[in-house]
């Protein structure tokens, strides 16, 4: 219920101030389990990604969003709960497996799961290599995967910027559902998981128009920090 209250409040405000747009909304199935696999450009993606959909979108977010203290922590918990985020531990190992189980449970309930295969926000607006968790979710749940591309949210609010730039209209493009039924039963094959993930990232590249980088975004961030230190 809280999700719909937040959405009812946000939609008129964001529409008036930013005039967001969307394409391909009808590509998202009206019922049944759906995986929305998207690029991740900005904190603003949390605001605009699901705005145009009549279905609730549940996303997996880092547990730190829900563990803060004081007024800031309370606001963070309220906001991420309001936009449909479920907290997960992203430390790897058993925590990654628990996150997968959480995602599968959401899909078994015939809900819409939003996921960012890059694992973190792009540091420079380019599209980075996807992690194979999205492929495991797709093959184990047998849910259709809809590519979900954010447009111009990096220009509006890049990582590190606390407030959005005005005058930039963010957009969302929903691609046609991807069918991976030819791989069902092969979710333990690492080559298959990589092939499925790469196909999803290629669809996102086509939809978003981003330049693709064949490395993980987290690694690119580390390299950028190191380069900045060496240059100073």
C-alpha atoms as a PDB file:
ATOM      1  CA  UNK A   1       0.000   0.000   0.000  1.00  0.00           C
ATOM      2  CA  UNK A   2       2.794   2.420   0.926  1.00  0.00           C
ATOM      3  CA  UNK A   3       4.331   1.896  -2.543  1.00  0.00           C
ATOM      4  CA  UNK A   4       1.197   3.181  -4.259  1.00  0.00           C
ATOM      5  CA  UNK A   5       0.903   6.129  -1.889  1.00  0.00           C
ATOM      6  CA  UNK A   6       4.487   7.171  -2.646  1.00  0.00           C
ATOM      7  CA  UNK A   7       3.915   6.715  -6.366  1.00  0.00           C
ATOM      8  CA  UNK A   8       0.691   8.757  -6.283  1.00  0.00           C
ATOM      9  CA  UNK A   9       2.586  11.584  -4.605  1.00  0.00           C
ATOM     10  CA  UNK A  10       5.722  11.415  -6.759  1.00  0.00           C
ATOM     11  CA  UNK A  11       4.129  11.023 -10.196  1.00  0.00           C
ATOM     12  CA  UNK A  12       2.434  14.449 -10.491  1.00  0.00           C
ATOM     13  CA  UNK A  13       5.441  16.222  -8.978  1.00  0.00           C
ATOM     14  CA  UNK A  14       8.045  14.534 -11.193  1.00  0.00           C
ATOM     15  CA  UNK A  15       5.849  14.876 -14.280  1.00  0.00           C
ATOM     16  CA  UNK A  16       5.428  18.614 -13.700  1.00  0.00           C
ATOM     17  CA  UNK A  17       9.067  19.357 -12.847  1.00  0.00           C
ATOM     18  CA  UNK A  18      10.988  17.008 -15.181  1.00  0.00           C
ATOM     19  CA  UNK A  19       8.449  15.958 -17.870  1.00  0.00           C
ATOM     20  CA  UNK A  20       9.762  12.370 -18.116  1.00  0.00           C
ATOM     21  CA  UNK A  21       8.867  10.199 -21.103  1.00  0.00           C
ATOM     22  CA  UNK A  22       8.598   6.486 -21.828  1.00  0.00           C
ATOM     23  CA  UNK A  23       8.569   4.115 -24.811  1.00  0.00           C
ATOM     24  CA  UNK A  24       7.461   0.492 -25.016  1.00  0.00           C
ATOM     25  CA  UNK A  25       5.418   0.336 -21.802  1.00  0.00           C
ATOM     26  CA  UNK A  26       3.186  -2.277 -23.462  1.00  0.00           C
ATOM     27  CA  UNK A  27       6.200  -4.613 -23.749  1.00  0.00           C
ATOM     28  CA  UNK A  28       5.961  -5.300 -20.017  1.00  0.00           C
ATOM     29  CA  UNK A  29       3.520  -8.198 -19.435  1.00  0.00           C
ATOM     30  CA  UNK A  30       0.398  -7.177 -17.530  1.00  0.00           C
ATOM     31  CA  UNK A  31       0.528 -10.254 -15.295  1.00  0.00           C
ATOM     32  CA  UNK A  32       2.815 -13.053 -14.222  1.00  0.00           C
ATOM     33  CA  UNK A  33       6.485 -12.938 -13.199  1.00  0.00           C
ATOM     34  CA  UNK A  34       8.693 -10.464 -15.063  1.00  0.00           C
ATOM     35  CA  UNK A  35      12.369  -9.546 -14.768  1.00  0.00           C
ATOM     36  CA  UNK A  36      13.146  -5.952 -15.677  1.00  0.00           C
ATOM     37  CA  UNK A  37      16.883  -5.875 -16.430  1.00  0.00           C
ATOM     38  CA  UNK A  38      18.174  -2.329 -16.653  1.00  0.00           C
ATOM     39  CA  UNK A  39      21.205  -0.134 -17.027  1.00  0.00           C
ATOM     40  CA  UNK A  40      22.098   1.857 -13.926  1.00  0.00           C
ATOM     41  CA  UNK A  41      23.157   5.434 -14.548  1.00  0.00           C
ATOM     42  CA  UNK A  42      22.011   7.425 -11.565  1.00  0.00           C
ATOM     43  CA  UNK A  43      20.318   7.524  -8.190  1.00  0.00           C
ATOM     44  CA  UNK A  44      17.471   9.128 -10.161  1.00  0.00           C
ATOM     45  CA  UNK A  45      16.767   5.725 -11.743  1.00  0.00           C
ATOM     46  CA  UNK A  46      14.962   4.813  -8.514  1.00  0.00           C
ATOM     47  CA  UNK A  47      12.528   7.660  -9.141  1.00  0.00           C
ATOM     48  CA  UNK A  48      11.830   7.325 -12.858  1.00  0.00           C
ATOM     49  CA  UNK A  49      12.332   3.641 -13.717  1.00  0.00           C
ATOM     50  CA  UNK A  50       8.969   2.286 -12.597  1.00  0.00           C
ATOM     51  CA  UNK A  51       6.971   5.491 -12.822  1.00  0.00           C
ATOM     52  CA  UNK A  52       5.069   4.591 -15.987  1.00  0.00           C
ATOM     53  CA  UNK A  53       4.167   1.008 -15.111  1.00  0.00           C
ATOM     54  CA  UNK A  54       0.770   0.015 -13.681  1.00  0.00           C
ATOM     55  CA  UNK A  55       2.432  -2.858 -11.790  1.00  0.00           C
ATOM     56  CA  UNK A  56       4.537  -2.675  -8.662  1.00  0.00           C
ATOM     57  CA  UNK A  57       8.252  -3.109  -9.349  1.00  0.00           C
ATOM     58  CA  UNK A  58      10.303  -4.683  -6.565  1.00  0.00           C
ATOM     59  CA  UNK A  59      14.057  -4.153  -6.684  1.00  0.00           C
ATOM     60  CA  UNK A  60      16.929  -5.576  -4.655  1.00  0.00           C
ATOM     61  CA  UNK A  61      18.973  -2.921  -2.858  1.00  0.00           C
ATOM     62  CA  UNK A  62      21.967  -2.942  -0.545  1.00  0.00           C
ATOM     63  CA  UNK A  63      21.115  -3.459   3.112  1.00  0.00           C
ATOM     64  CA  UNK A  64      22.926  -0.238   4.050  1.00  0.00           C
ATOM     65  CA  UNK A  65      19.938   1.712   2.720  1.00  0.00           C
ATOM     66  CA  UNK A  66      17.919   0.332   5.620  1.00  0.00           C
ATOM     67  CA  UNK A  67      20.397   0.394   8.501  1.00  0.00           C
ATOM     68  CA  UNK A  68      21.179   4.101   8.858  1.00  0.00           C
ATOM     69  CA  UNK A  69      20.482   5.943  12.092  1.00  0.00           C
ATOM     70  CA  UNK A  70      18.842   9.231  12.942  1.00  0.00           C
ATOM     71  CA  UNK A  71      16.645  11.316  10.674  1.00  0.00           C
ATOM     72  CA  UNK A  72      18.675  10.502   7.560  1.00  0.00           C
ATOM     73  CA  UNK A  73      18.415   6.766   8.224  1.00  0.00           C
ATOM     74  CA  UNK A  74      14.677   7.027   8.814  1.00  0.00           C
ATOM     75  CA  UNK A  75      14.199   8.936   5.557  1.00  0.00           C
ATOM     76  CA  UNK A  76      16.325   6.399   3.659  1.00  0.00           C
ATOM     77  CA  UNK A  77      14.319   3.443   4.986  1.00  0.00           C
ATOM     78  CA  UNK A  78      11.018   5.158   4.202  1.00  0.00           C
ATOM     79  CA  UNK A  79      12.085   6.126   0.694  1.00  0.00           C
ATOM     80  CA  UNK A  80      13.482   2.770  -0.383  1.00  0.00           C
ATOM     81  CA  UNK A  81      10.550   0.907   1.137  1.00  0.00           C
ATOM     82  CA  UNK A  82       8.254   3.301  -0.701  1.00  0.00           C
ATOM     83  CA  UNK A  83       9.858   2.631  -4.078  1.00  0.00           C
ATOM     84  CA  UNK A  84       9.655  -1.132  -3.605  1.00  0.00           C
ATOM     85  CA  UNK A  85      13.241  -1.951  -2.604  1.00  0.00           C
ATOM     86  CA  UNK A  86      13.989  -5.142  -0.661  1.00  0.00           C
ATOM     87  CA  UNK A  87      17.244  -5.092   1.359  1.00  0.00           C
ATOM     88  CA  UNK A  88      19.929  -7.670   0.558  1.00  0.00           C
ATOM     89  CA  UNK A  89      23.479  -8.339   1.701  1.00  0.00           C
ATOM     90  CA  UNK A  90      25.824  -7.732  -1.258  1.00  0.00           C
ATOM     91  CA  UNK A  91      29.032  -8.953   0.359  1.00  0.00           C
ATOM     92  CA  UNK A  92      29.262 -11.993  -1.939  1.00  0.00           C
ATOM     93  CA  UNK A  93      29.459 -15.743  -1.288  1.00  0.00           C
ATOM     94  CA  UNK A  94      26.489 -17.012   0.700  1.00  0.00           C
ATOM     95  CA  UNK A  95      25.040 -13.488   0.679  1.00  0.00           C
ATOM     96  CA  UNK A  96      24.824 -13.588  -3.133  1.00  0.00           C
ATOM     97  CA  UNK A  97      22.991 -16.907  -2.965  1.00  0.00           C
ATOM     98  CA  UNK A  98      20.553 -15.437  -0.428  1.00  0.00           C
ATOM     99  CA  UNK A  99      19.916 -12.498  -2.772  1.00  0.00           C
ATOM    100  CA  UNK A 100      19.175 -14.940  -5.589  1.00  0.00           C
ATOM    101  CA  UNK A 101      16.696 -16.822  -3.389  1.00  0.00           C
ATOM    102  CA  UNK A 102      14.997 -13.529  -2.510  1.00  0.00           C
ATOM    103  CA  UNK A 103      14.662 -12.671  -6.190  1.00  0.00           C
ATOM    104  CA  UNK A 104      13.239 -16.105  -7.004  1.00  0.00           C
ATOM    105  CA  UNK A 105      10.704 -15.791  -4.198  1.00  0.00           C
ATOM    106  CA  UNK A 106       9.511 -12.473  -5.631  1.00  0.00           C
ATOM    107  CA  UNK A 107       9.129 -14.030  -9.081  1.00  0.00           C
ATOM    108  CA  UNK A 108       7.345 -17.103  -7.703  1.00  0.00           C
ATOM    109  CA  UNK A 109       4.750 -14.686  -6.348  1.00  0.00           C
ATOM    110  CA  UNK A 110       4.130 -13.509  -9.956  1.00  0.00           C
ATOM    111  CA  UNK A 111       5.609 -10.087  -9.279  1.00  0.00           C
ATOM    112  CA  UNK A 112       7.873  -7.758 -11.251  1.00  0.00           C
ATOM    113  CA  UNK A 113      11.533  -7.818 -10.223  1.00  0.00           C
ATOM    114  CA  UNK A 114      13.757  -4.916 -11.247  1.00  0.00           C
ATOM    115  CA  UNK A 115      17.479  -5.665 -11.366  1.00  0.00           C
ATOM    116  CA  UNK A 116      20.614  -3.864 -12.526  1.00  0.00           C
ATOM    117  CA  UNK A 117      22.993  -6.496 -13.967  1.00  0.00           C
ATOM    118  CA  UNK A 118      25.970  -4.102 -13.799  1.00  0.00           C
ATOM    119  CA  UNK A 119      25.727  -4.340 -10.005  1.00  0.00           C
ATOM    120  CA  UNK A 120      26.406  -0.652  -9.406  1.00  0.00           C
ATOM    121  CA  UNK A 121      25.952   2.717 -11.080  1.00  0.00           C
ATOM    122  CA  UNK A 122      28.015   3.459 -14.159  1.00  0.00           C
ATOM    123  CA  UNK A 123      30.899   5.776 -13.233  1.00  0.00           C
ATOM    124  CA  UNK A 124      30.949   7.543 -16.607  1.00  0.00           C
ATOM    125  CA  UNK A 125      27.644   6.918 -18.387  1.00  0.00           C
ATOM    126  CA  UNK A 126      28.859   3.918 -20.381  1.00  0.00           C
ATOM    127  CA  UNK A 127      27.333   0.439 -20.166  1.00  0.00           C
ATOM    128  CA  UNK A 128      29.451  -2.120 -18.322  1.00  0.00           C
ATOM    129  CA  UNK A 129      29.645  -5.915 -18.251  1.00  0.00           C
ATOM    130  CA  UNK A 130      26.712  -7.632 -16.571  1.00  0.00           C
ATOM    131  CA  UNK A 131      26.964 -10.059 -13.688  1.00  0.00           C
ATOM    132  CA  UNK A 132      25.424 -13.477 -14.295  1.00  0.00           C
ATOM    133  CA  UNK A 133      22.949 -13.383 -11.396  1.00  0.00           C
ATOM    134  CA  UNK A 134      20.310 -12.031 -13.766  1.00  0.00           C
ATOM    135  CA  UNK A 135      20.784 -15.082 -16.007  1.00  0.00           C
ATOM    136  CA  UNK A 136      20.347 -17.487 -13.096  1.00  0.00           C
ATOM    137  CA  UNK A 137      17.154 -15.694 -12.103  1.00  0.00           C
ATOM    138  CA  UNK A 138      15.838 -15.882 -15.657  1.00  0.00           C
ATOM    139  CA  UNK A 139      16.596 -19.576 -16.135  1.00  0.00           C
ATOM    140  CA  UNK A 140      15.507 -20.781 -12.699  1.00  0.00           C
ATOM    141  CA  UNK A 141      12.286 -18.723 -12.618  1.00  0.00           C
ATOM    142  CA  UNK A 142      11.584 -19.078 -16.374  1.00  0.00           C
ATOM    143  CA  UNK A 143      10.255 -15.519 -16.276  1.00  0.00           C
ATOM    144  CA  UNK A 144      10.534 -13.294 -19.366  1.00  0.00           C
ATOM    145  CA  UNK A 145      13.299 -10.690 -19.269  1.00  0.00           C
ATOM    146  CA  UNK A 146      12.379  -7.183 -20.395  1.00  0.00           C
ATOM    147  CA  UNK A 147      15.321  -4.844 -21.107  1.00  0.00           C
ATOM    148  CA  UNK A 148      14.780  -1.597 -19.215  1.00  0.00           C
ATOM    149  CA  UNK A 149      16.901   1.332 -20.390  1.00  0.00           C
ATOM    150  CA  UNK A 150      17.184   4.638 -18.571  1.00  0.00           C
ATOM    151  CA  UNK A 151      17.922   7.614 -20.819  1.00  0.00           C
ATOM    152  CA  UNK A 152      19.694  10.844 -19.771  1.00  0.00           C
ATOM    153  CA  UNK A 153      19.527  10.197 -16.024  1.00  0.00           C
ATOM    154  CA  UNK A 154      23.340  10.260 -15.922  1.00  0.00           C
ATOM    155  CA  UNK A 155      23.353  13.737 -17.460  1.00  0.00           C
ATOM    156  CA  UNK A 156      20.647  14.846 -15.057  1.00  0.00           C
ATOM    157  CA  UNK A 157      22.154  13.401 -11.871  1.00  0.00           C
ATOM    158  CA  UNK A 158      25.511  11.615 -12.221  1.00  0.00           C
ATOM    159  CA  UNK A 159      26.977   9.700  -9.252  1.00  0.00           C
ATOM    160  CA  UNK A 160      28.190  12.109  -6.593  1.00  0.00           C
ATOM    161  CA  UNK A 161      25.785  14.909  -7.507  1.00  0.00           C
ATOM    162  CA  UNK A 162      23.337  15.479  -4.611  1.00  0.00           C
ATOM    163  CA  UNK A 163      20.636  17.262  -6.612  1.00  0.00           C
ATOM    164  CA  UNK A 164      19.382  16.835 -10.187  1.00  0.00           C
ATOM    165  CA  UNK A 165      20.016  19.290 -13.003  1.00  0.00           C
ATOM    166  CA  UNK A 166      16.876  20.890 -14.331  1.00  0.00           C
ATOM    167  CA  UNK A 167      16.118  21.226 -18.019  1.00  0.00           C
ATOM    168  CA  UNK A 168      16.969  17.576 -18.813  1.00  0.00           C
ATOM    169  CA  UNK A 169      14.060  15.256 -19.613  1.00  0.00           C
ATOM    170  CA  UNK A 170      14.796  11.713 -18.387  1.00  0.00           C
ATOM    171  CA  UNK A 171      13.298   8.801 -20.263  1.00  0.00           C
ATOM    172  CA  UNK A 172      12.692   5.070 -20.009  1.00  0.00           C
ATOM    173  CA  UNK A 173      12.651   2.548 -22.860  1.00  0.00           C
ATOM    174  CA  UNK A 174      11.171  -0.918 -22.356  1.00  0.00           C
ATOM    175  CA  UNK A 175      12.313  -3.439 -24.945  1.00  0.00           C
ATOM    176  CA  UNK A 176      10.526  -6.543 -26.144  1.00  0.00           C
ATOM    177  CA  UNK A 177      10.689  -9.546 -23.765  1.00  0.00           C
ATOM    178  CA  UNK A 178      13.676 -11.815 -24.285  1.00  0.00           C
ATOM    179  CA  UNK A 179      13.018 -15.556 -24.484  1.00  0.00           C
ATOM    180  CA  UNK A 180      15.665 -17.870 -23.016  1.00  0.00           C
ATOM    181  CA  UNK A 181      13.596 -21.066 -23.044  1.00  0.00           C
ATOM    182  CA  UNK A 182      16.275 -22.763 -25.172  1.00  0.00           C
ATOM    183  CA  UNK A 183      18.521 -22.674 -22.100  1.00  0.00           C
ATOM    184  CA  UNK A 184      16.058 -23.962 -19.494  1.00  0.00           C
ATOM    185  CA  UNK A 185      17.622 -26.612 -17.286  1.00  0.00           C
ATOM    186  CA  UNK A 186      21.127 -25.284 -17.930  1.00  0.00           C
ATOM    187  CA  UNK A 187      21.310 -22.729 -15.109  1.00  0.00           C
ATOM    188  CA  UNK A 188      24.420 -24.387 -13.647  1.00  0.00           C
ATOM    189  CA  UNK A 189      26.442 -24.025 -16.847  1.00  0.00           C
ATOM    190  CA  UNK A 190      28.718 -20.995 -16.493  1.00  0.00           C
ATOM    191  CA  UNK A 191      29.090 -20.570 -20.250  1.00  0.00           C
ATOM    192  CA  UNK A 192      25.329 -20.512 -20.661  1.00  0.00           C
ATOM    193  CA  UNK A 193      24.944 -17.979 -17.848  1.00  0.00           C
ATOM    194  CA  UNK A 194      27.508 -15.723 -19.510  1.00  0.00           C
ATOM    195  CA  UNK A 195      25.811 -16.088 -22.906  1.00  0.00           C
ATOM    196  CA  UNK A 196      22.402 -15.173 -21.471  1.00  0.00           C
ATOM    197  CA  UNK A 197      23.838 -12.216 -19.555  1.00  0.00           C
ATOM    198  CA  UNK A 198      25.698 -10.924 -22.604  1.00  0.00           C
ATOM    199  CA  UNK A 199      22.523 -11.161 -24.685  1.00  0.00           C
ATOM    200  CA  UNK A 200      20.689  -9.069 -22.093  1.00  0.00           C
ATOM    201  CA  UNK A 201      23.486  -6.478 -22.036  1.00  0.00           C
ATOM    202  CA  UNK A 202      23.520  -6.337 -25.845  1.00  0.00           C
ATOM    203  CA  UNK A 203      19.782  -5.641 -25.846  1.00  0.00           C
ATOM    204  CA  UNK A 204      20.359  -2.865 -23.303  1.00  0.00           C
ATOM    205  CA  UNK A 205      23.140  -1.405 -25.422  1.00  0.00           C
ATOM    206  CA  UNK A 206      20.880  -1.358 -28.470  1.00  0.00           C
ATOM    207  CA  UNK A 207      18.018   0.177 -26.489  1.00  0.00           C
ATOM    208  CA  UNK A 208      20.019   2.819 -24.622  1.00  0.00           C
ATOM    209  CA  UNK A 209      22.572   3.746 -27.293  1.00  0.00           C
ATOM    210  CA  UNK A 210      25.355   3.544 -24.700  1.00  0.00           C
ATOM    211  CA  UNK A 211      28.941   2.591 -25.468  1.00  0.00           C
ATOM    212  CA  UNK A 212      29.662  -0.878 -24.072  1.00  0.00           C
ATOM    213  CA  UNK A 213      32.738  -1.614 -21.941  1.00  0.00           C
ATOM    214  CA  UNK A 214      33.769  -5.245 -21.457  1.00  0.00           C
ATOM    215  CA  UNK A 215      34.684  -4.952 -17.789  1.00  0.00           C
ATOM    216  CA  UNK A 216      32.749  -4.714 -14.537  1.00  0.00           C
ATOM    217  CA  UNK A 217      31.683  -1.251 -13.401  1.00  0.00           C
ATOM    218  CA  UNK A 218      33.070  -1.852  -9.900  1.00  0.00           C
ATOM    219  CA  UNK A 219      36.529  -2.560 -11.374  1.00  0.00           C
ATOM    220  CA  UNK A 220      36.315   0.551 -13.539  1.00  0.00           C
ATOM    221  CA  UNK A 221      35.548   2.659 -10.463  1.00  0.00           C
ATOM    222  CA  UNK A 222      38.630   1.321  -8.679  1.00  0.00           C
ATOM    223  CA  UNK A 223      40.795   2.091 -11.728  1.00  0.00           C
ATOM    224  CA  UNK A 224      39.414   5.632 -11.953  1.00  0.00           C
ATOM    225  CA  UNK A 225      40.114   6.311  -8.279  1.00  0.00           C
ATOM    226  CA  UNK A 226      43.657   4.955  -8.649  1.00  0.00           C
ATOM    227  CA  UNK A 227      44.280   7.058 -11.749  1.00  0.00           C
ATOM    228  CA  UNK A 228      42.993  10.177 -10.010  1.00  0.00           C
ATOM    229  CA  UNK A 229      45.326   9.580  -7.054  1.00  0.00           C
ATOM    230  CA  UNK A 230      48.326   9.047  -9.310  1.00  0.00           C
ATOM    231  CA  UNK A 231      47.533  12.221 -11.235  1.00  0.00           C
ATOM    232  CA  UNK A 232      47.267  14.374  -8.088  1.00  0.00           C
END
